N, C-alpha and C. Protein backbone atom coordinates (compact mmCIF):
# COMPACT_ATOMS: atom_id res chain seq x y z
N UNK A 1 107.63 98.32 92.14
CA UNK A 1 106.25 98.42 92.47
C UNK A 1 105.47 99.37 91.60
N UNK A 2 104.29 99.00 91.12
CA UNK A 2 103.54 99.85 90.26
C UNK A 2 102.23 100.18 90.87
N UNK A 3 101.55 100.98 90.26
CA UNK A 3 100.22 101.40 90.75
C UNK A 3 99.21 100.20 90.75
N UNK A 4 99.26 99.47 89.67
CA UNK A 4 98.59 98.19 89.70
C UNK A 4 98.88 97.33 90.86
N UNK A 5 100.13 97.17 91.31
CA UNK A 5 100.40 96.39 92.49
C UNK A 5 99.70 96.94 93.81
N UNK A 6 99.66 98.29 93.85
CA UNK A 6 98.91 98.92 95.02
C UNK A 6 97.42 98.60 95.06
N UNK A 7 96.78 98.63 93.86
CA UNK A 7 95.37 98.19 93.71
C UNK A 7 95.22 96.77 94.02
N UNK A 8 96.15 95.94 93.55
CA UNK A 8 95.98 94.42 93.75
C UNK A 8 96.04 94.27 95.38
N UNK A 9 96.95 94.94 96.06
CA UNK A 9 97.07 94.79 97.44
C UNK A 9 95.79 95.21 98.16
N UNK A 10 95.21 96.21 97.69
CA UNK A 10 93.88 96.75 98.19
C UNK A 10 92.85 95.56 98.09
N UNK A 11 92.90 95.08 96.87
CA UNK A 11 91.80 93.96 96.57
C UNK A 11 91.90 92.74 97.49
N UNK A 12 93.13 92.53 98.15
CA UNK A 12 93.49 91.41 98.96
C UNK A 12 93.08 91.73 100.40
N UNK A 13 92.76 93.04 100.69
CA UNK A 13 92.45 93.40 102.14
C UNK A 13 91.37 92.68 102.64
N UNK A 14 91.40 92.37 103.86
CA UNK A 14 90.26 91.52 104.62
C UNK A 14 88.93 92.35 104.52
N UNK A 15 88.95 93.62 104.46
CA UNK A 15 87.72 94.36 104.43
C UNK A 15 87.38 94.91 103.11
N UNK A 16 88.00 94.22 102.12
CA UNK A 16 87.61 94.75 100.60
C UNK A 16 86.10 94.86 100.26
N UNK A 17 85.32 93.96 101.02
CA UNK A 17 83.92 93.96 100.65
C UNK A 17 83.21 95.38 101.10
N UNK A 18 83.85 96.07 101.92
CA UNK A 18 83.37 97.48 102.21
C UNK A 18 83.85 98.57 101.22
N UNK A 19 84.68 98.12 100.28
CA UNK A 19 85.21 99.15 99.32
C UNK A 19 84.14 99.35 98.20
N UNK A 20 83.89 100.62 97.87
CA UNK A 20 82.91 101.02 96.81
C UNK A 20 83.70 101.74 95.77
N UNK A 21 84.98 102.31 96.09
CA UNK A 21 85.80 103.08 95.22
C UNK A 21 87.33 103.02 95.58
N UNK A 22 88.16 102.83 94.57
CA UNK A 22 89.51 103.05 94.72
C UNK A 22 89.95 104.19 93.89
N UNK A 23 90.59 105.22 94.45
CA UNK A 23 90.98 106.23 93.73
C UNK A 23 92.54 106.47 93.86
N UNK A 24 93.14 106.61 92.70
CA UNK A 24 94.60 106.64 92.60
C UNK A 24 95.11 107.87 91.95
N UNK A 25 96.20 108.32 92.47
CA UNK A 25 97.06 109.43 92.07
C UNK A 25 98.39 108.94 91.45
N UNK A 26 98.79 109.33 90.36
CA UNK A 26 100.12 109.08 89.79
C UNK A 26 100.81 110.41 89.51
N UNK A 27 101.64 110.87 90.41
CA UNK A 27 102.43 112.07 90.20
C UNK A 27 103.57 111.83 89.21
N UNK A 28 103.80 112.59 88.33
CA UNK A 28 104.86 112.44 87.27
C UNK A 28 105.71 113.73 87.21
N UNK A 29 107.03 113.70 86.85
CA UNK A 29 107.80 114.77 86.63
C UNK A 29 107.37 115.47 85.26
N UNK A 30 107.07 116.86 85.48
CA UNK A 30 106.59 117.58 84.30
C UNK A 30 107.89 118.49 83.83
N UNK A 31 107.89 118.93 82.66
CA UNK A 31 108.92 119.63 82.13
C UNK A 31 109.08 121.08 82.50
N UNK A 32 108.27 121.57 83.24
CA UNK A 32 108.41 122.93 83.90
C UNK A 32 108.07 122.96 85.37
N UNK A 33 108.53 123.91 86.05
CA UNK A 33 108.36 124.17 87.47
C UNK A 33 107.18 124.87 87.55
N UNK A 34 106.62 125.10 88.61
CA UNK A 34 105.36 125.86 89.01
C UNK A 34 105.45 127.31 88.45
N UNK A 35 106.64 127.82 88.50
CA UNK A 35 106.97 129.20 87.91
C UNK A 35 107.25 129.32 86.44
N UNK A 36 107.06 128.16 85.81
CA UNK A 36 107.42 128.13 84.32
C UNK A 36 108.65 127.92 83.82
N UNK A 37 109.67 127.75 84.68
CA UNK A 37 111.00 127.47 84.20
C UNK A 37 111.11 125.99 83.76
N UNK A 38 111.99 125.90 82.80
CA UNK A 38 112.18 124.48 82.12
C UNK A 38 113.07 123.68 83.25
N UNK A 39 112.57 122.36 83.36
CA UNK A 39 113.02 121.53 84.45
C UNK A 39 113.65 120.29 83.58
N UNK A 40 114.96 119.83 83.97
CA UNK A 40 115.32 118.59 83.37
C UNK A 40 115.14 117.43 84.27
N UNK A 41 114.75 117.66 85.53
CA UNK A 41 114.47 116.49 86.45
C UNK A 41 114.43 116.94 87.84
N UNK A 42 114.07 116.00 88.70
CA UNK A 42 113.94 116.35 90.11
C UNK A 42 114.51 115.14 91.01
N UNK A 43 114.59 115.35 92.20
CA UNK A 43 114.99 114.49 93.40
C UNK A 43 114.07 114.77 94.45
N UNK A 44 113.53 113.58 95.08
CA UNK A 44 112.61 113.75 96.28
C UNK A 44 113.18 113.10 97.43
N UNK A 45 113.08 113.78 98.56
CA UNK A 45 113.46 113.17 99.83
C UNK A 45 112.09 113.12 100.61
N UNK A 46 112.10 111.98 101.49
CA UNK A 46 110.82 111.76 102.25
C UNK A 46 111.25 111.61 103.80
N UNK A 47 110.32 112.23 104.52
CA UNK A 47 110.29 112.08 106.01
C UNK A 47 109.35 110.99 106.42
N UNK A 48 110.01 109.75 106.51
CA UNK A 48 109.17 108.54 106.85
C UNK A 48 108.34 108.59 108.03
N UNK A 49 108.76 109.21 109.11
CA UNK A 49 107.94 109.28 110.26
C UNK A 49 106.72 110.13 110.06
N UNK A 50 106.68 111.16 109.32
CA UNK A 50 105.76 112.09 109.10
C UNK A 50 104.71 111.23 108.04
N UNK A 51 105.34 110.60 107.13
CA UNK A 51 104.44 109.85 106.19
C UNK A 51 103.56 108.74 106.87
N UNK A 52 104.24 107.95 107.72
CA UNK A 52 103.53 106.98 108.43
C UNK A 52 102.35 107.67 109.39
N UNK A 53 102.53 108.76 109.93
CA UNK A 53 101.57 109.42 110.75
C UNK A 53 100.40 109.89 109.92
N UNK A 54 100.70 110.46 108.74
CA UNK A 54 99.55 110.83 107.81
C UNK A 54 98.85 109.68 107.19
N UNK A 55 99.49 108.68 106.89
CA UNK A 55 98.84 107.51 106.33
C UNK A 55 97.93 106.91 107.48
N UNK A 56 98.42 106.81 108.68
CA UNK A 56 97.60 106.13 109.87
C UNK A 56 96.28 107.20 110.07
N UNK A 57 96.60 108.51 110.00
CA UNK A 57 95.42 109.27 110.27
C UNK A 57 94.42 109.22 109.09
N UNK A 58 94.97 109.01 107.82
CA UNK A 58 94.02 108.86 106.75
C UNK A 58 93.20 107.58 106.81
N UNK A 59 93.84 106.54 107.37
CA UNK A 59 93.08 105.26 107.31
C UNK A 59 92.01 105.38 108.43
N UNK A 60 92.13 106.31 109.33
CA UNK A 60 91.13 106.37 110.50
C UNK A 60 89.84 107.31 109.96
N UNK A 61 89.98 107.84 108.86
CA UNK A 61 88.85 108.74 108.37
C UNK A 61 87.58 107.87 108.15
N UNK A 62 86.39 108.48 108.23
CA UNK A 62 85.18 107.74 108.14
C UNK A 62 85.19 107.07 106.60
N UNK A 63 84.94 105.87 106.57
CA UNK A 63 84.73 105.09 105.49
C UNK A 63 85.91 104.50 104.71
N UNK A 64 87.08 104.85 105.28
CA UNK A 64 88.30 104.62 104.55
C UNK A 64 88.78 103.21 105.03
N UNK A 65 89.01 102.36 103.94
CA UNK A 65 89.55 100.90 104.31
C UNK A 65 91.05 100.85 104.10
N UNK A 66 91.65 101.63 103.20
CA UNK A 66 93.13 101.32 103.00
C UNK A 66 93.67 102.77 102.30
N UNK A 67 94.84 102.96 102.64
CA UNK A 67 95.68 104.07 102.03
C UNK A 67 97.05 103.62 101.83
N UNK A 68 97.50 103.53 100.62
CA UNK A 68 98.93 102.96 100.23
C UNK A 68 99.61 104.06 99.50
N UNK A 69 100.84 104.29 99.73
CA UNK A 69 101.78 105.33 99.21
C UNK A 69 102.91 104.69 98.78
N UNK A 70 103.46 105.10 97.54
CA UNK A 70 104.82 104.69 97.16
C UNK A 70 105.44 105.95 96.57
N UNK A 71 106.56 106.50 97.11
CA UNK A 71 107.24 107.71 96.63
C UNK A 71 108.60 107.11 96.05
N UNK A 72 109.01 107.76 94.99
CA UNK A 72 110.32 107.29 94.27
C UNK A 72 111.29 108.35 94.78
N UNK A 73 112.01 107.94 95.76
CA UNK A 73 112.84 108.86 96.56
C UNK A 73 114.40 108.58 96.39
N UNK A 74 115.10 109.69 96.66
CA UNK A 74 116.57 109.64 96.65
C UNK A 74 117.24 109.08 95.41
N UNK A 75 116.54 109.29 94.32
CA UNK A 75 117.22 109.14 92.92
C UNK A 75 116.70 110.15 91.95
N UNK A 76 117.65 110.34 91.00
CA UNK A 76 117.32 111.49 89.88
C UNK A 76 116.16 110.82 89.03
N UNK A 77 115.15 111.66 88.96
CA UNK A 77 113.92 111.38 88.17
C UNK A 77 113.93 112.44 86.96
N UNK A 78 113.63 111.79 85.76
CA UNK A 78 113.63 112.74 84.49
C UNK A 78 112.20 113.02 84.18
N UNK A 79 112.03 113.91 83.15
CA UNK A 79 110.72 114.13 82.65
C UNK A 79 109.97 112.95 82.31
N UNK A 80 108.73 112.87 82.92
CA UNK A 80 107.82 111.76 82.55
C UNK A 80 107.91 110.59 83.54
N UNK A 81 108.98 110.68 84.36
CA UNK A 81 109.06 109.53 85.40
C UNK A 81 108.05 109.60 86.43
N UNK A 82 107.60 108.59 87.02
CA UNK A 82 106.72 108.47 88.24
C UNK A 82 107.39 109.03 89.37
N UNK A 83 106.72 109.90 90.17
CA UNK A 83 107.19 110.39 91.36
C UNK A 83 106.54 109.84 92.55
N UNK A 84 105.25 109.75 92.53
CA UNK A 84 104.53 109.16 93.66
C UNK A 84 103.20 108.52 93.15
N UNK A 85 102.91 107.31 93.88
CA UNK A 85 101.66 106.65 93.78
C UNK A 85 100.96 106.90 95.03
N UNK A 86 99.64 107.10 94.91
CA UNK A 86 98.76 107.03 96.15
C UNK A 86 97.46 106.52 95.68
N UNK A 87 97.14 105.48 96.67
CA UNK A 87 95.84 104.77 96.34
C UNK A 87 94.99 104.84 97.61
N UNK A 88 93.76 105.17 97.44
CA UNK A 88 92.86 105.32 98.65
C UNK A 88 91.55 104.47 98.34
N UNK A 89 91.26 103.65 99.24
CA UNK A 89 90.09 102.74 99.02
C UNK A 89 89.16 103.04 100.21
N UNK A 90 87.75 103.13 99.71
CA UNK A 90 86.82 103.37 100.85
C UNK A 90 85.44 103.11 100.33
N UNK A 91 84.33 103.46 101.12
CA UNK A 91 83.06 103.12 100.96
C UNK A 91 82.44 103.89 99.76
N UNK A 92 82.36 105.22 99.93
CA UNK A 92 81.69 106.14 99.07
C UNK A 92 82.60 107.21 98.49
N UNK A 93 82.29 107.79 97.33
CA UNK A 93 83.12 108.66 96.64
C UNK A 93 83.55 110.00 97.58
N UNK A 94 82.51 110.49 98.27
CA UNK A 94 82.82 111.70 99.09
C UNK A 94 83.93 111.38 100.10
N UNK A 95 83.80 110.27 100.72
CA UNK A 95 84.89 109.93 101.71
C UNK A 95 86.19 109.61 100.90
N UNK A 96 86.27 109.00 99.83
CA UNK A 96 87.51 108.62 99.27
C UNK A 96 88.15 109.82 98.60
N UNK A 97 87.36 110.67 97.94
CA UNK A 97 87.84 111.86 97.24
C UNK A 97 88.45 112.73 98.20
N UNK A 98 87.68 113.07 99.30
CA UNK A 98 88.34 113.94 100.29
C UNK A 98 89.54 113.50 100.89
N UNK A 99 89.58 112.19 101.18
CA UNK A 99 90.81 111.63 101.80
C UNK A 99 91.95 111.66 100.91
N UNK A 100 91.82 111.40 99.60
CA UNK A 100 92.87 111.35 98.69
C UNK A 100 93.46 112.80 98.61
N UNK A 101 92.52 113.73 98.40
CA UNK A 101 92.95 115.14 98.35
C UNK A 101 93.78 115.58 99.57
N UNK A 102 93.14 115.28 100.73
CA UNK A 102 93.75 115.76 101.92
C UNK A 102 95.09 115.02 102.23
N UNK A 103 95.19 113.72 101.99
CA UNK A 103 96.42 112.93 102.09
C UNK A 103 97.48 113.48 101.13
N UNK A 104 97.09 113.75 99.87
CA UNK A 104 98.08 114.18 98.88
C UNK A 104 98.73 115.50 99.30
N UNK A 105 97.79 116.43 99.68
CA UNK A 105 98.18 117.79 100.09
C UNK A 105 99.10 117.68 101.31
N UNK A 106 98.79 116.86 102.28
CA UNK A 106 99.66 116.77 103.44
C UNK A 106 101.00 116.15 103.08
N UNK A 107 101.12 115.14 102.27
CA UNK A 107 102.42 114.58 101.77
C UNK A 107 103.11 115.71 101.08
N UNK A 108 102.47 116.30 100.14
CA UNK A 108 103.35 117.30 99.28
C UNK A 108 103.79 118.48 100.28
N UNK A 109 103.04 118.90 101.27
CA UNK A 109 103.48 120.06 102.00
C UNK A 109 104.33 119.68 103.31
N UNK A 110 104.26 118.41 103.84
CA UNK A 110 104.92 118.20 105.07
C UNK A 110 105.93 117.03 105.02
N UNK A 111 105.67 116.16 104.00
CA UNK A 111 106.53 114.90 103.97
C UNK A 111 107.67 114.85 102.89
N UNK A 112 107.39 115.55 101.84
CA UNK A 112 108.54 115.45 100.78
C UNK A 112 109.17 116.68 100.66
N UNK A 113 110.38 116.69 100.19
CA UNK A 113 111.30 117.83 99.87
C UNK A 113 111.75 117.63 98.50
N UNK A 114 111.51 118.42 97.58
CA UNK A 114 111.72 118.32 96.11
C UNK A 114 112.89 119.20 95.66
N UNK A 115 114.04 118.62 95.08
CA UNK A 115 114.89 119.41 94.38
C UNK A 115 114.75 119.38 92.89
N UNK A 116 114.65 120.48 92.31
CA UNK A 116 114.35 120.59 90.81
C UNK A 116 115.80 120.88 90.11
N UNK A 117 115.98 120.24 89.03
CA UNK A 117 117.18 120.64 88.13
C UNK A 117 116.62 121.42 86.95
N UNK A 118 117.26 122.52 86.75
CA UNK A 118 116.70 123.27 85.77
C UNK A 118 117.79 123.29 84.49
N UNK A 119 117.17 123.50 83.43
CA UNK A 119 117.96 123.45 82.21
C UNK A 119 118.55 124.78 81.89
């Protein structure tokens, strides 16, 4: 699955005529941790029940038509590999930007657990 496939799925949504913006996030593995240590890679675990709840809540926000997420879980990821795709489609930028930011923050803080491998 690619980010393009998420966007293509959104474009086939029955309410696509209500969409004025699709905003996408593509998280990738960077070469350093937040504290500056060199990283060789990561592994991500996902709580799918919490993810579904967050997606459902995000889809119910004003103006939002669709929220799609793909997380590359339970495998070793190297520097530059994709970690997560998030696509949010909605009516106006204020609704879409806020929903993407809120959804991303919720996923990162409550849904995923990351193991970093240090050099």
